[in-house]
Every structure is written in structure tokens, then in C-alpha cells.
Amino acid sequence: MTDFQNLELINKAIDNYALFNKTQKNVLKALIRVNIDGYSIISIKELCQMVNVTNTPIKNAISKLEQHGMIEDIGRRGIVFTGCRVKQSKISKIVNRYNLKK
């Protein structure tokens, strides 16, 4: 899988991925939903609305996703998160593991 065309399969695979908690999974899925050409341009506030949680869990989820190489920060304005690049290769690994389990 080289792109994010099959969102249903990607969402199922992420939901099944044991390494991340619910908020981290929901943030990752939100970032994929708003992804255009490999980039997700979105604010913390917008993510809070999409995932229906407050700032702190979103910031923690972004940090965890960055630590695991799932996303790469594309630049901040000061300390403000403005978006990221979702690494398709990492998503592909999650989907491949999910497919092997089925």
C-alpha cells in the first residue's frame, strides 16, 4: 500500500494496532483523513474538534506519534503545531500486519 486510498482498511488496521492508545489512534486517523499529498495541515484546535478531546491529550498523542516515526513535524510557528507529514511506509506496515492477522 503506497497511499491512503483505502481509508476503511487503514482505520481498521490502526484500531487493531496495540502500540497506541485510543487518542493516539484517533489523532493518527484524523491526520490521515485530512492528508493531501502526504501532508496534513491542521492545528491543535482543529484536531481537538475532530477527535473530541482537549489540547493536552492531542499534544501527547502527536508527541508519541512523532517518537514512533508515524508522523514528521513540518514546522511550527514558535511552539504551535501547524501540521505534519504522515509517513506512508509506517502506515503500510500497520496495514500489512493487520492483513496478516486476518
N, C-alpha and C. Protein backbone atom coordinates (compact mmCIF):
# COMPACT_ATOMS: atom_id res chain seq x y z
N MET A 1 0.85 -1.18 0.00
CA MET A 1 0.00 0.00 0.00
C MET A 1 0.89 1.23 0.00
N THR A 2 0.71 2.10 -0.94
CA THR A 2 1.59 3.26 -1.05
C THR A 2 0.86 4.58 -0.83
N ASP A 3 -0.44 4.54 -0.64
CA ASP A 3 -1.15 5.79 -0.39
C ASP A 3 -2.29 5.54 0.59
N PHE A 4 -3.10 6.54 0.79
CA PHE A 4 -4.17 6.45 1.78
C PHE A 4 -5.53 6.29 1.14
N GLN A 5 -5.60 5.55 0.03
CA GLN A 5 -6.85 5.42 -0.71
C GLN A 5 -7.88 4.54 0.00
N ASN A 6 -7.46 3.52 0.68
CA ASN A 6 -8.41 2.62 1.33
C ASN A 6 -8.52 2.98 2.82
N LEU A 7 -9.25 4.05 3.10
CA LEU A 7 -9.36 4.55 4.47
C LEU A 7 -10.02 3.55 5.41
N GLU A 8 -10.98 2.80 4.92
CA GLU A 8 -11.66 1.82 5.78
C GLU A 8 -10.66 0.78 6.30
N LEU A 9 -9.85 0.24 5.41
CA LEU A 9 -8.84 -0.74 5.80
C LEU A 9 -7.80 -0.11 6.74
N ILE A 10 -7.36 1.08 6.41
CA ILE A 10 -6.37 1.77 7.25
C ILE A 10 -6.93 2.00 8.65
N ASN A 11 -8.17 2.46 8.73
CA ASN A 11 -8.78 2.71 10.04
C ASN A 11 -8.90 1.43 10.86
N LYS A 12 -9.30 0.34 10.23
CA LYS A 12 -9.39 -0.94 10.94
C LYS A 12 -8.01 -1.38 11.43
N ALA A 13 -7.01 -1.23 10.59
CA ALA A 13 -5.66 -1.63 10.96
C ALA A 13 -5.15 -0.79 12.13
N ILE A 14 -5.38 0.51 12.08
CA ILE A 14 -4.95 1.38 13.18
C ILE A 14 -5.69 1.03 14.46
N ASP A 15 -7.00 0.80 14.37
CA ASP A 15 -7.78 0.42 15.55
C ASP A 15 -7.27 -0.86 16.18
N ASN A 16 -6.74 -1.75 15.37
CA ASN A 16 -6.23 -3.04 15.83
C ASN A 16 -4.80 -2.98 16.33
N TYR A 17 -4.13 -1.86 16.14
CA TYR A 17 -2.72 -1.72 16.47
C TYR A 17 -2.56 -1.49 17.97
N ALA A 18 -1.92 -2.41 18.66
CA ALA A 18 -1.86 -2.40 20.12
C ALA A 18 -0.89 -1.38 20.71
N LEU A 19 0.01 -0.85 19.91
CA LEU A 19 1.05 0.03 20.43
C LEU A 19 0.52 1.39 20.88
N PHE A 20 -0.58 1.86 20.28
CA PHE A 20 -1.10 3.19 20.57
C PHE A 20 -2.40 3.11 21.37
N ASN A 21 -2.63 4.15 22.20
CA ASN A 21 -3.89 4.22 22.92
C ASN A 21 -4.98 4.81 22.03
N LYS A 22 -6.19 4.90 22.55
CA LYS A 22 -7.34 5.33 21.75
C LYS A 22 -7.14 6.74 21.17
N THR A 23 -6.67 7.67 21.98
CA THR A 23 -6.48 9.04 21.50
C THR A 23 -5.42 9.08 20.41
N GLN A 24 -4.33 8.38 20.59
CA GLN A 24 -3.27 8.35 19.59
C GLN A 24 -3.79 7.78 18.28
N LYS A 25 -4.56 6.72 18.36
CA LYS A 25 -5.15 6.13 17.16
C LYS A 25 -6.09 7.11 16.47
N ASN A 26 -6.92 7.80 17.25
CA ASN A 26 -7.88 8.74 16.67
C ASN A 26 -7.18 9.95 16.05
N VAL A 27 -6.11 10.41 16.67
CA VAL A 27 -5.34 11.52 16.10
C VAL A 27 -4.70 11.08 14.78
N LEU A 28 -4.10 9.90 14.77
CA LEU A 28 -3.49 9.40 13.54
C LEU A 28 -4.52 9.27 12.43
N LYS A 29 -5.69 8.73 12.74
CA LYS A 29 -6.74 8.59 11.73
C LYS A 29 -7.21 9.96 11.24
N ALA A 30 -7.30 10.93 12.14
CA ALA A 30 -7.70 12.29 11.75
C ALA A 30 -6.66 12.90 10.82
N LEU A 31 -5.40 12.72 11.16
CA LEU A 31 -4.33 13.25 10.31
C LEU A 31 -4.36 12.63 8.91
N ILE A 32 -4.69 11.37 8.85
CA ILE A 32 -4.79 10.69 7.55
C ILE A 32 -5.99 11.21 6.77
N ARG A 33 -7.11 11.44 7.47
CA ARG A 33 -8.32 11.94 6.80
C ARG A 33 -8.09 13.30 6.14
N VAL A 34 -7.29 14.15 6.76
CA VAL A 34 -7.07 15.50 6.20
C VAL A 34 -5.80 15.56 5.35
N ASN A 35 -5.22 14.42 5.09
CA ASN A 35 -3.95 14.35 4.36
C ASN A 35 -4.13 14.69 2.89
N ILE A 36 -3.27 15.58 2.40
CA ILE A 36 -3.24 15.93 0.98
C ILE A 36 -1.79 15.83 0.53
N ASP A 37 -1.55 14.96 -0.44
CA ASP A 37 -0.20 14.77 -0.98
C ASP A 37 0.84 14.48 0.11
N GLY A 38 0.46 13.70 1.10
CA GLY A 38 1.39 13.29 2.14
C GLY A 38 1.48 14.23 3.33
N TYR A 39 0.78 15.35 3.27
CA TYR A 39 0.86 16.35 4.34
C TYR A 39 -0.50 16.61 4.97
N SER A 40 -0.50 16.78 6.26
CA SER A 40 -1.70 17.13 7.00
C SER A 40 -1.50 18.50 7.61
N ILE A 41 -2.15 19.50 7.05
CA ILE A 41 -2.04 20.87 7.56
C ILE A 41 -3.26 21.09 8.45
N ILE A 42 -3.01 21.13 9.74
CA ILE A 42 -4.09 21.20 10.71
C ILE A 42 -3.56 21.74 12.03
N SER A 43 -4.39 22.43 12.75
CA SER A 43 -3.99 22.98 14.05
C SER A 43 -4.42 22.03 15.18
N ILE A 44 -3.86 22.26 16.34
CA ILE A 44 -4.26 21.50 17.53
C ILE A 44 -5.75 21.70 17.79
N LYS A 45 -6.21 22.94 17.64
CA LYS A 45 -7.62 23.24 17.88
C LYS A 45 -8.52 22.42 16.95
N GLU A 46 -8.14 22.34 15.68
CA GLU A 46 -8.93 21.56 14.72
C GLU A 46 -8.89 20.07 15.05
N LEU A 47 -7.73 19.58 15.49
CA LEU A 47 -7.63 18.18 15.90
C LEU A 47 -8.50 17.92 17.12
N CYS A 48 -8.51 18.85 18.05
CA CYS A 48 -9.36 18.71 19.25
C CYS A 48 -10.82 18.53 18.85
N GLN A 49 -11.26 19.33 17.90
CA GLN A 49 -12.65 19.24 17.43
C GLN A 49 -12.92 17.92 16.72
N MET A 50 -11.98 17.47 15.92
CA MET A 50 -12.16 16.21 15.18
C MET A 50 -12.18 15.00 16.10
N VAL A 51 -11.30 15.01 17.09
CA VAL A 51 -11.13 13.84 17.96
C VAL A 51 -11.98 13.95 19.23
N ASN A 52 -12.46 15.17 19.50
CA ASN A 52 -13.32 15.43 20.65
C ASN A 52 -12.61 15.21 21.99
N VAL A 53 -11.39 15.74 22.08
CA VAL A 53 -10.64 15.76 23.34
C VAL A 53 -9.97 17.12 23.47
N THR A 54 -9.40 17.38 24.63
CA THR A 54 -8.76 18.67 24.90
C THR A 54 -7.33 18.71 24.34
N ASN A 55 -6.69 19.88 24.48
CA ASN A 55 -5.35 20.11 23.93
C ASN A 55 -4.30 19.11 24.43
N THR A 56 -4.26 18.89 25.73
CA THR A 56 -3.18 18.08 26.30
C THR A 56 -3.12 16.67 25.72
N PRO A 57 -4.24 15.93 25.65
CA PRO A 57 -4.15 14.59 25.04
C PRO A 57 -3.73 14.64 23.57
N ILE A 58 -4.14 15.68 22.85
CA ILE A 58 -3.75 15.82 21.44
C ILE A 58 -2.24 16.02 21.35
N LYS A 59 -1.72 16.94 22.16
CA LYS A 59 -0.27 17.20 22.15
C LYS A 59 0.51 15.96 22.53
N ASN A 60 0.03 15.22 23.53
CA ASN A 60 0.69 13.97 23.94
C ASN A 60 0.65 12.94 22.82
N ALA A 61 -0.48 12.85 22.13
CA ALA A 61 -0.61 11.89 21.03
C ALA A 61 0.34 12.25 19.89
N ILE A 62 0.41 13.53 19.55
CA ILE A 62 1.32 13.97 18.49
C ILE A 62 2.76 13.63 18.85
N SER A 63 3.12 13.88 20.10
CA SER A 63 4.47 13.58 20.56
C SER A 63 4.77 12.09 20.44
N LYS A 64 3.83 11.26 20.86
CA LYS A 64 4.02 9.80 20.79
C LYS A 64 4.12 9.34 19.33
N LEU A 65 3.28 9.88 18.46
CA LEU A 65 3.32 9.51 17.05
C LEU A 65 4.63 9.93 16.41
N GLU A 66 5.15 11.08 16.81
CA GLU A 66 6.46 11.53 16.32
C GLU A 66 7.57 10.61 16.82
N GLN A 67 7.51 10.23 18.10
CA GLN A 67 8.53 9.35 18.68
C GLN A 67 8.59 8.01 17.95
N HIS A 68 7.44 7.53 17.51
CA HIS A 68 7.38 6.24 16.83
C HIS A 68 7.55 6.36 15.32
N GLY A 69 7.84 7.56 14.85
CA GLY A 69 8.12 7.76 13.43
C GLY A 69 6.91 7.70 12.53
N MET A 70 5.71 7.79 13.09
CA MET A 70 4.49 7.74 12.28
C MET A 70 4.26 9.06 11.54
N ILE A 71 4.66 10.15 12.19
CA ILE A 71 4.49 11.47 11.59
C ILE A 71 5.79 12.26 11.75
N GLU A 72 5.94 13.26 10.92
CA GLU A 72 7.10 14.15 10.99
C GLU A 72 6.58 15.58 10.98
N ASP A 73 6.93 16.32 12.01
CA ASP A 73 6.50 17.71 12.12
C ASP A 73 7.04 18.49 10.92
N ILE A 74 6.18 19.27 10.28
CA ILE A 74 6.62 20.03 9.11
C ILE A 74 6.94 21.48 9.44
N GLY A 75 6.95 21.77 10.69
CA GLY A 75 7.29 23.14 11.09
C GLY A 75 6.28 23.70 12.04
N ARG A 76 6.78 24.40 12.95
CA ARG A 76 5.91 25.04 13.94
C ARG A 76 6.09 26.54 13.85
N ARG A 77 5.07 27.22 14.22
CA ARG A 77 5.19 28.67 14.40
C ARG A 77 5.43 28.86 15.89
N GLY A 78 6.70 29.03 16.24
CA GLY A 78 7.05 29.05 17.67
C GLY A 78 6.86 27.66 18.21
N ILE A 79 5.96 27.52 19.18
CA ILE A 79 5.68 26.19 19.75
C ILE A 79 4.33 25.64 19.26
N VAL A 80 3.71 26.33 18.31
CA VAL A 80 2.39 25.95 17.83
C VAL A 80 2.50 24.93 16.70
N PHE A 81 1.87 23.78 16.87
CA PHE A 81 1.82 22.73 15.85
C PHE A 81 0.96 23.22 14.69
N THR A 82 1.49 23.12 13.47
CA THR A 82 0.74 23.56 12.29
C THR A 82 0.46 22.44 11.31
N GLY A 83 0.99 21.27 11.56
CA GLY A 83 0.74 20.15 10.67
C GLY A 83 1.92 19.20 10.63
N CYS A 84 1.78 18.16 9.81
CA CYS A 84 2.83 17.14 9.77
C CYS A 84 2.77 16.39 8.45
N ARG A 85 3.78 15.58 8.25
CA ARG A 85 3.81 14.64 7.14
C ARG A 85 3.55 13.27 7.74
N VAL A 86 2.53 12.58 7.27
CA VAL A 86 2.24 11.22 7.73
C VAL A 86 3.07 10.28 6.88
N LYS A 87 3.83 9.43 7.53
CA LYS A 87 4.73 8.52 6.81
C LYS A 87 3.97 7.30 6.31
N GLN A 88 3.78 7.27 5.00
CA GLN A 88 3.03 6.19 4.38
C GLN A 88 3.66 4.83 4.62
N SER A 89 4.97 4.77 4.68
CA SER A 89 5.64 3.49 4.90
C SER A 89 5.26 2.90 6.25
N LYS A 90 5.12 3.74 7.25
CA LYS A 90 4.74 3.26 8.59
C LYS A 90 3.29 2.79 8.60
N ILE A 91 2.42 3.53 7.92
CA ILE A 91 1.01 3.12 7.83
C ILE A 91 0.91 1.80 7.08
N SER A 92 1.70 1.65 6.03
CA SER A 92 1.71 0.40 5.26
C SER A 92 2.10 -0.78 6.13
N LYS A 93 3.06 -0.60 7.02
CA LYS A 93 3.48 -1.69 7.92
C LYS A 93 2.33 -2.09 8.85
N ILE A 94 1.61 -1.10 9.37
CA ILE A 94 0.47 -1.39 10.25
C ILE A 94 -0.60 -2.15 9.48
N VAL A 95 -0.90 -1.72 8.26
CA VAL A 95 -1.90 -2.39 7.43
C VAL A 95 -1.44 -3.81 7.09
N ASN A 96 -0.19 -3.98 6.74
CA ASN A 96 0.33 -5.32 6.42
C ASN A 96 0.22 -6.26 7.61
N ARG A 97 0.56 -5.77 8.79
CA ARG A 97 0.42 -6.61 10.00
C ARG A 97 -1.03 -6.99 10.23
N TYR A 98 -1.92 -6.03 10.03
CA TYR A 98 -3.35 -6.29 10.20
C TYR A 98 -3.80 -7.36 9.21
N ASN A 99 -3.38 -7.23 7.95
CA ASN A 99 -3.77 -8.21 6.93
C ASN A 99 -3.26 -9.61 7.26
N LEU A 100 -2.08 -9.70 7.85
CA LEU A 100 -1.52 -10.99 8.22
C LEU A 100 -2.31 -11.64 9.35
N LYS A 101 -2.87 -10.83 10.24
CA LYS A 101 -3.64 -11.35 11.37
C LYS A 101 -5.01 -11.87 10.96
N LYS A 102 -5.56 -11.32 9.87
CA LYS A 102 -6.93 -11.68 9.46
C LYS A 102 -7.04 -13.11 9.04
